[in-house]
Amino acid sequence: MSAIERDLLLELLAKKKIIHVRKTDRKIFGAKQEAWTQIVEEFNVQGLGPKRTLQQLKSAWERIKMRAKKVKADNRRESMKTGGGPAPKDLPEDDNKVLDILSEEIDDIGCDFDCDEPSSSEVVTSNNSRLGNTGWRREGCWWVTG
């Protein structure tokens, strides 16, 4: 797939938000199929190269996503290294486009239970362990009951 075709595919995918929804019920599945059909039609109307099938465009999208996620992970891993040296390079513009499209799909969703702040029912002791009404207490890095 040429760079122009890739840019067109990214542009079309950015317009179809339903494709990036993670739900898989019947209604969403049908909407995704319809969106992909429209993408294939709009892609082929442009006449940038040979006609592409649904499977070819889906496979291209999967490869593009994989590459962008790998580049992001490599960049993050590189930025976490210690020992000085130059800062990691910025992500390529193409990968930033893909990550923008996928932002809802790969953003950290967080967790209500992953918080360092004590809840209102917890008491933080002088050795930084927490005691609450649950019967759990902290010993070093471990939470124990009893």
Protein backbone atom coordinates (compact mmCIF):
# COMPACT_ATOMS: atom_id res chain seq x y z
CA MET A 1 0.00 0.00 0.00
CA SER A 2 1.44 3.36 -1.01
CA ALA A 3 1.82 6.30 1.37
CA ILE A 4 -1.03 8.12 -0.40
CA GLU A 5 -3.33 5.11 -0.01
CA ARG A 6 -2.32 4.81 3.62
CA ASP A 7 -3.13 8.48 4.27
CA LEU A 8 -6.50 8.07 2.57
CA LEU A 9 -7.29 5.00 4.65
CA LEU A 10 -6.38 6.87 7.86
CA GLU A 11 -8.54 9.81 6.81
CA LEU A 12 -11.53 7.54 6.15
CA LEU A 13 -11.03 5.62 9.40
CA ALA A 14 -10.85 8.85 11.39
CA LYS A 15 -14.36 9.70 10.17
CA LYS A 16 -15.82 6.31 11.18
CA LYS A 17 -15.63 6.28 14.99
CA ILE A 18 -17.82 3.16 15.22
CA ILE A 19 -14.93 1.02 13.91
CA HIS A 20 -12.94 1.72 17.08
CA VAL A 21 -15.71 0.82 19.54
CA ARG A 22 -14.68 -2.24 21.54
CA LYS A 23 -18.19 -3.57 22.14
CA THR A 24 -19.13 -6.58 20.05
CA ASP A 25 -22.89 -6.95 20.31
CA ARG A 26 -25.03 -7.55 17.22
CA LYS A 27 -25.99 -3.90 16.75
CA ILE A 28 -22.37 -2.68 16.93
CA PHE A 29 -21.17 -5.51 14.70
CA GLY A 30 -23.70 -4.54 12.00
CA ALA A 31 -22.75 -0.88 12.25
CA LYS A 32 -19.05 -1.77 11.96
CA GLN A 33 -19.71 -3.90 8.86
CA GLU A 34 -21.65 -1.05 7.28
CA ALA A 35 -18.86 1.43 8.11
CA TRP A 36 -16.21 -0.85 6.58
CA THR A 37 -18.33 -1.27 3.44
CA GLN A 38 -18.54 2.52 3.11
CA ILE A 39 -14.80 2.86 3.66
CA VAL A 40 -14.07 0.32 0.90
CA GLU A 41 -16.41 2.13 -1.50
CA GLU A 42 -14.98 5.58 -0.70
CA PHE A 43 -11.43 4.24 -0.91
CA ASN A 44 -11.92 2.62 -4.31
CA VAL A 45 -13.75 5.65 -5.76
CA GLN A 46 -10.57 7.69 -5.34
CA GLY A 47 -8.79 5.52 -7.94
CA LEU A 48 -5.37 5.84 -6.33
CA GLY A 49 -4.31 2.36 -7.31
CA PRO A 50 -5.79 -1.07 -7.77
CA LYS A 51 -9.20 -1.71 -6.24
CA ARG A 52 -8.84 -2.96 -2.68
CA THR A 53 -11.10 -5.51 -1.03
CA LEU A 54 -12.59 -5.30 2.43
CA GLN A 55 -10.12 -7.89 3.69
CA GLN A 56 -7.14 -6.04 2.19
CA LEU A 57 -8.11 -2.77 3.87
CA LYS A 58 -8.81 -4.45 7.21
CA SER A 59 -5.44 -6.22 7.07
CA ALA A 60 -3.69 -2.98 6.18
CA TRP A 61 -5.38 -1.26 9.13
CA GLU A 62 -4.31 -4.03 11.51
CA ARG A 63 -0.69 -3.76 10.30
CA ILE A 64 -0.75 0.04 10.63
CA LYS A 65 -2.17 -0.22 14.17
CA MET A 66 0.38 -2.83 15.21
CA ARG A 67 3.27 -0.77 13.92
CA ALA A 68 2.09 2.44 15.63
CA LYS A 69 1.53 0.65 18.94
CA LYS A 70 4.97 -0.96 18.71
CA VAL A 71 6.65 2.36 17.98
CA LYS A 72 4.82 3.96 20.91
CA ALA A 73 5.79 1.12 23.25
CA ASP A 74 9.42 1.23 22.10
CA ASN A 75 9.49 4.99 22.58
CA ARG A 76 7.99 4.69 26.05
CA ARG A 77 10.42 1.92 27.01
CA GLU A 78 13.33 4.03 25.75
CA SER A 79 12.16 7.05 27.75
CA MET A 80 12.02 4.96 30.95
CA LYS A 81 15.63 3.84 30.69
CA THR A 82 18.10 5.28 33.13
CA GLY A 83 21.68 6.27 32.56
CA GLY A 84 21.35 9.58 30.82
CA GLY A 85 21.92 9.99 27.15
CA PRO A 86 19.78 11.76 24.61
CA ALA A 87 16.01 11.84 24.96
CA PRO A 88 14.10 9.44 22.70
CA LYS A 89 12.98 10.78 19.34
CA ASP A 90 9.45 12.06 18.91
CA LEU A 91 6.98 9.70 17.31
CA PRO A 92 6.67 9.99 13.52
CA GLU A 93 3.72 12.05 12.29
CA ASP A 94 2.07 9.02 10.65
CA ASP A 95 2.15 7.11 13.92
CA ASN A 96 0.71 10.11 15.76
CA LYS A 97 -2.21 10.15 13.30
CA VAL A 98 -2.88 6.47 14.01
CA LEU A 99 -2.60 6.95 17.76
CA ASP A 100 -5.01 9.89 17.58
CA ILE A 101 -7.53 7.68 15.78
CA LEU A 102 -7.02 4.97 18.39
CA SER A 103 -6.88 7.29 21.39
CA GLU A 104 -10.11 5.96 22.87
CA GLU A 105 -9.04 2.38 22.27
CA ILE A 106 -5.59 2.50 23.88
CA ASP A 107 -5.80 5.23 26.51
CA ASP A 108 -5.31 4.17 30.07
CA ILE A 109 -8.77 3.81 31.58
CA GLY A 110 -7.45 3.98 35.13
CA CYS A 111 -8.86 2.06 38.03
CA ASP A 112 -10.92 3.18 41.01
CA PHE A 113 -8.95 0.83 43.23
CA ASP A 114 -5.49 1.91 42.09
CA CYS A 115 -5.01 5.00 44.18
CA ASP A 116 -2.43 6.05 46.73
CA GLU A 117 -4.81 8.39 48.50
CA PRO A 118 -6.48 6.93 51.58
CA SER A 119 -10.23 6.66 51.42
CA SER A 120 -12.31 8.54 53.98
CA SER A 121 -12.74 5.33 56.00
CA GLU A 122 -9.00 4.63 56.16
CA VAL A 123 -6.48 5.86 58.67
CA VAL A 124 -2.84 6.24 57.69
CA THR A 125 -0.53 5.24 60.52
CA SER A 126 2.90 6.67 61.24
CA ASN A 127 4.63 3.85 59.32
CA ASN A 128 2.47 4.67 56.28
CA SER A 129 0.26 1.59 56.55
CA ARG A 130 -3.47 2.01 56.16
CA LEU A 131 -6.13 0.76 58.48
CA GLY A 132 -9.75 0.85 57.46
CA ASN A 133 -12.96 -0.82 58.40
CA THR A 134 -12.12 -3.78 56.13
CA GLY A 135 -9.76 -5.63 58.44
CA TRP A 136 -6.87 -5.32 55.98
CA ARG A 137 -3.54 -3.78 56.91
CA ARG A 138 -0.32 -3.10 55.06
CA GLU A 139 2.92 -4.88 55.93
CA GLY A 140 5.71 -3.55 53.75
CA CYS A 141 4.52 -3.96 50.17
CA TRP A 142 1.79 -6.47 51.05
CA TRP A 143 -1.77 -6.12 52.28
CA VAL A 144 -2.75 -8.75 54.84
CA THR A 145 -5.86 -9.48 56.85
CA GLY A 146 -6.27 -10.66 60.40
